[in-house]
C-alpha atoms as a PDB file:
ATOM      1  CA  UNK A   1      88.525 146.502  72.967  1.00  0.00           C
ATOM      2  CA  UNK A   2      85.942 144.916  70.529  1.00  0.00           C
ATOM      3  CA  UNK A   3      88.047 142.038  68.970  1.00  0.00           C
ATOM      4  CA  UNK A   4      91.244 141.942  70.968  1.00  0.00           C
ATOM      5  CA  UNK A   5      92.329 139.157  69.003  1.00  0.00           C
ATOM      6  CA  UNK A   6      92.283 141.128  65.951  1.00  0.00           C
ATOM      7  CA  UNK A   7      94.447 143.657  67.656  1.00  0.00           C
ATOM      8  CA  UNK A   8      98.277 143.703  67.757  1.00  0.00           C
ATOM      9  CA  UNK A   9     100.170 144.310  70.691  1.00  0.00           C
ATOM     10  CA  UNK A  10     102.366 147.558  71.290  1.00  0.00           C
ATOM     11  CA  UNK A  11     105.408 147.738  72.025  1.00  0.00           C
ATOM     12  CA  UNK A  12     106.513 148.021  75.803  1.00  0.00           C
ATOM     13  CA  UNK A  13     108.933 150.623  75.464  1.00  0.00           C
ATOM     14  CA  UNK A  14     106.056 152.970  74.452  1.00  0.00           C
ATOM     15  CA  UNK A  15     106.016 156.486  77.068  1.00  0.00           C
ATOM     16  CA  UNK A  16     102.217 156.128  76.639  1.00  0.00           C
ATOM     17  CA  UNK A  17     102.070 153.238  78.679  1.00  0.00           C
ATOM     18  CA  UNK A  18     100.714 152.928  81.797  1.00  0.00           C
ATOM     19  CA  UNK A  19      99.666 150.543  84.203  1.00  0.00           C
ATOM     20  CA  UNK A  20      95.519 149.788  83.844  1.00  0.00           C
ATOM     21  CA  UNK A  21      93.285 150.060  86.878  1.00  0.00           C
ATOM     22  CA  UNK A  22      91.401 147.147  88.823  1.00  0.00           C
ATOM     23  CA  UNK A  23      88.242 148.656  87.036  1.00  0.00           C
ATOM     24  CA  UNK A  24      89.590 148.334  83.610  1.00  0.00           C
ATOM     25  CA  UNK A  25      91.095 145.611  83.910  1.00  0.00           C
ATOM     26  CA  UNK A  26      87.530 144.022  85.082  1.00  0.00           C
ATOM     27  CA  UNK A  27      86.359 145.631  82.393  1.00  0.00           C
ATOM     28  CA  UNK A  28      88.603 143.818  79.545  1.00  0.00           C
ATOM     29  CA  UNK A  29      88.716 140.767  81.756  1.00  0.00           C
ATOM     30  CA  UNK A  30      85.130 139.606  80.429  1.00  0.00           C
ATOM     31  CA  UNK A  31      86.415 139.616  76.535  1.00  0.00           C
ATOM     32  CA  UNK A  32      88.943 136.789  77.460  1.00  0.00           C
ATOM     33  CA  UNK A  33      86.904 133.733  78.429  1.00  0.00           C
ATOM     34  CA  UNK A  34      88.675 131.374  81.407  1.00  0.00           C
ATOM     35  CA  UNK A  35      91.459 133.990  82.227  1.00  0.00           C
ATOM     36  CA  UNK A  36      91.173 135.652  86.200  1.00  0.00           C
ATOM     37  CA  UNK A  37      92.130 138.687  87.273  1.00  0.00           C
ATOM     38  CA  UNK A  38      94.687 138.362  90.130  1.00  0.00           C
ATOM     39  CA  UNK A  39      96.234 140.471  92.804  1.00  0.00           C
ATOM     40  CA  UNK A  40     100.081 139.141  93.494  1.00  0.00           C
ATOM     41  CA  UNK A  41     101.572 141.465  95.961  1.00  0.00           C
ATOM     42  CA  UNK A  42      99.898 144.647  94.533  1.00  0.00           C
ATOM     43  CA  UNK A  43     101.178 143.263  90.924  1.00  0.00           C
ATOM     44  CA  UNK A  44      97.803 142.895  89.092  1.00  0.00           C
ATOM     45  CA  UNK A  45      98.192 139.632  86.069  1.00  0.00           C
ATOM     46  CA  UNK A  46      95.809 137.435  84.483  1.00  0.00           C
ATOM     47  CA  UNK A  47      95.849 133.825  84.809  1.00  0.00           C
ATOM     48  CA  UNK A  48      94.979 131.054  83.675  1.00  0.00           C
ATOM     49  CA  UNK A  49      95.650 126.993  83.651  1.00  0.00           C
ATOM     50  CA  UNK A  50      94.840 123.587  82.066  1.00  0.00           C
ATOM     51  CA  UNK A  51      95.431 119.793  82.408  1.00  0.00           C
ATOM     52  CA  UNK A  52      97.516 118.463  79.560  1.00  0.00           C
ATOM     53  CA  UNK A  53      97.412 114.946  78.506  1.00  0.00           C
ATOM     54  CA  UNK A  54     101.054 114.563  79.074  1.00  0.00           C
ATOM     55  CA  UNK A  55     104.098 116.460  79.312  1.00  0.00           C
ATOM     56  CA  UNK A  56     105.254 116.608  76.145  1.00  0.00           C
ATOM     57  CA  UNK A  57     101.966 118.286  75.177  1.00  0.00           C
ATOM     58  CA  UNK A  58     102.389 120.144  77.294  1.00  0.00           C
ATOM     59  CA  UNK A  59     105.295 121.238  75.856  1.00  0.00           C
ATOM     60  CA  UNK A  60     103.881 121.565  72.824  1.00  0.00           C
ATOM     61  CA  UNK A  61     101.224 124.005  74.083  1.00  0.00           C
ATOM     62  CA  UNK A  62     104.053 126.248  75.584  1.00  0.00           C
ATOM     63  CA  UNK A  63     105.538 125.950  71.663  1.00  0.00           C
ATOM     64  CA  UNK A  64     101.968 127.134  70.438  1.00  0.00           C
ATOM     65  CA  UNK A  65     101.785 129.822  72.957  1.00  0.00           C
ATOM     66  CA  UNK A  66     105.607 130.565  72.462  1.00  0.00           C
ATOM     67  CA  UNK A  67     104.888 131.014  68.372  1.00  0.00           C
ATOM     68  CA  UNK A  68     102.099 133.607  69.328  1.00  0.00           C
ATOM     69  CA  UNK A  69     103.825 135.130  71.960  1.00  0.00           C
ATOM     70  CA  UNK A  70     107.229 135.969  69.800  1.00  0.00           C
ATOM     71  CA  UNK A  71     104.931 137.221  66.985  1.00  0.00           C
ATOM     72  CA  UNK A  72     103.746 139.447  69.273  1.00  0.00           C
ATOM     73  CA  UNK A  73     106.267 140.365  71.037  1.00  0.00           C
ATOM     74  CA  UNK A  74     104.536 140.275  74.450  1.00  0.00           C
ATOM     75  CA  UNK A  75     105.796 136.948  76.150  1.00  0.00           C
ATOM     76  CA  UNK A  76     103.583 135.156  79.203  1.00  0.00           C
ATOM     77  CA  UNK A  77     105.248 133.332  82.387  1.00  0.00           C
ATOM     78  CA  UNK A  78     105.168 129.628  81.240  1.00  0.00           C
ATOM     79  CA  UNK A  79     104.878 127.262  84.367  1.00  0.00           C
ATOM     80  CA  UNK A  80     104.824 123.383  83.644  1.00  0.00           C
ATOM     81  CA  UNK A  81     104.595 121.957  87.162  1.00  0.00           C
ATOM     82  CA  UNK A  82     103.999 118.031  87.818  1.00  0.00           C
ATOM     83  CA  UNK A  83     104.000 116.609  84.630  1.00  0.00           C
ATOM     84  CA  UNK A  84     100.585 117.962  83.834  1.00  0.00           C
ATOM     85  CA  UNK A  85      99.655 121.005  84.822  1.00  0.00           C
ATOM     86  CA  UNK A  86     100.028 124.409  83.121  1.00  0.00           C
ATOM     87  CA  UNK A  87      99.408 127.747  84.139  1.00  0.00           C
ATOM     88  CA  UNK A  88     100.023 131.254  82.259  1.00  0.00           C
ATOM     89  CA  UNK A  89     100.615 134.484  83.872  1.00  0.00           C
ATOM     90  CA  UNK A  90     100.061 137.667  81.687  1.00  0.00           C
ATOM     91  CA  UNK A  91     101.124 141.038  82.257  1.00  0.00           C
ATOM     92  CA  UNK A  92     103.247 143.697  81.528  1.00  0.00           C
ATOM     93  CA  UNK A  93     106.963 144.014  83.225  1.00  0.00           C
ATOM     94  CA  UNK A  94     107.928 146.797  82.082  1.00  0.00           C
ATOM     95  CA  UNK A  95     104.519 148.848  83.892  1.00  0.00           C
ATOM     96  CA  UNK A  96     104.293 146.164  87.150  1.00  0.00           C
ATOM     97  CA  UNK A  97     100.980 145.424  86.027  1.00  0.00           C
ATOM     98  CA  UNK A  98      98.363 145.172  82.956  1.00  0.00           C
ATOM     99  CA  UNK A  99      97.719 146.566  79.862  1.00  0.00           C
ATOM    100  CA  UNK A 100      95.327 146.292  76.576  1.00  0.00           C
ATOM    101  CA  UNK A 101      98.837 143.930  75.252  1.00  0.00           C
ATOM    102  CA  UNK A 102      98.504 141.231  78.704  1.00  0.00           C
ATOM    103  CA  UNK A 103      94.683 140.952  77.408  1.00  0.00           C
ATOM    104  CA  UNK A 104      95.634 141.124  73.712  1.00  0.00           C
ATOM    105  CA  UNK A 105      97.436 138.377  74.049  1.00  0.00           C
ATOM    106  CA  UNK A 106      95.213 136.385  76.433  1.00  0.00           C
ATOM    107  CA  UNK A 107      92.734 136.103  73.248  1.00  0.00           C
ATOM    108  CA  UNK A 108      95.015 135.294  70.992  1.00  0.00           C
ATOM    109  CA  UNK A 109      95.766 132.261  73.074  1.00  0.00           C
ATOM    110  CA  UNK A 110      91.758 131.713  73.386  1.00  0.00           C
ATOM    111  CA  UNK A 111      92.021 131.133  69.710  1.00  0.00           C
ATOM    112  CA  UNK A 112      94.621 128.849  69.299  1.00  0.00           C
ATOM    113  CA  UNK A 113      93.422 125.525  68.935  1.00  0.00           C
ATOM    114  CA  UNK A 114      94.755 123.544  72.161  1.00  0.00           C
ATOM    115  CA  UNK A 115      91.391 120.575  72.771  1.00  0.00           C
ATOM    116  CA  UNK A 116      93.899 117.720  71.176  1.00  0.00           C
ATOM    117  CA  UNK A 117      96.496 118.528  74.096  1.00  0.00           C
ATOM    118  CA  UNK A 118      94.208 118.838  76.921  1.00  0.00           C
ATOM    119  CA  UNK A 119      92.440 116.219  79.455  1.00  0.00           C
ATOM    120  CA  UNK A 120      88.505 115.949  79.304  1.00  0.00           C
ATOM    121  CA  UNK A 121      87.583 119.210  81.743  1.00  0.00           C
ATOM    122  CA  UNK A 122      91.149 119.910  81.091  1.00  0.00           C
ATOM    123  CA  UNK A 123      90.437 123.648  81.959  1.00  0.00           C
ATOM    124  CA  UNK A 124      90.900 124.719  85.918  1.00  0.00           C
END
């Protein structure tokens, strides 16, 4: 768990892959600044929001995140609401909760240079 951004996501069809407990998720959460732990009807998810400068900047942010997601083979839920409100939800659909993959992806997203896309005080 030391450097999540340096790790690779494992295939979600692995028989050993299981959803982590809320206690484990809370420990991992300390490694991904800015992300929140959300319990959506019993399913644990990671969630983070940003405000972008414009609608087109939001689409650029999605492209950057999408490139990382494709490389990792692990895909978040992307939401662009209004013209500048971005929310990303990450969870492992195959297990109905969180796995280390989700935190790896969150760490990699945190490593992206997004500043040129965001409004000042843009992290919600």
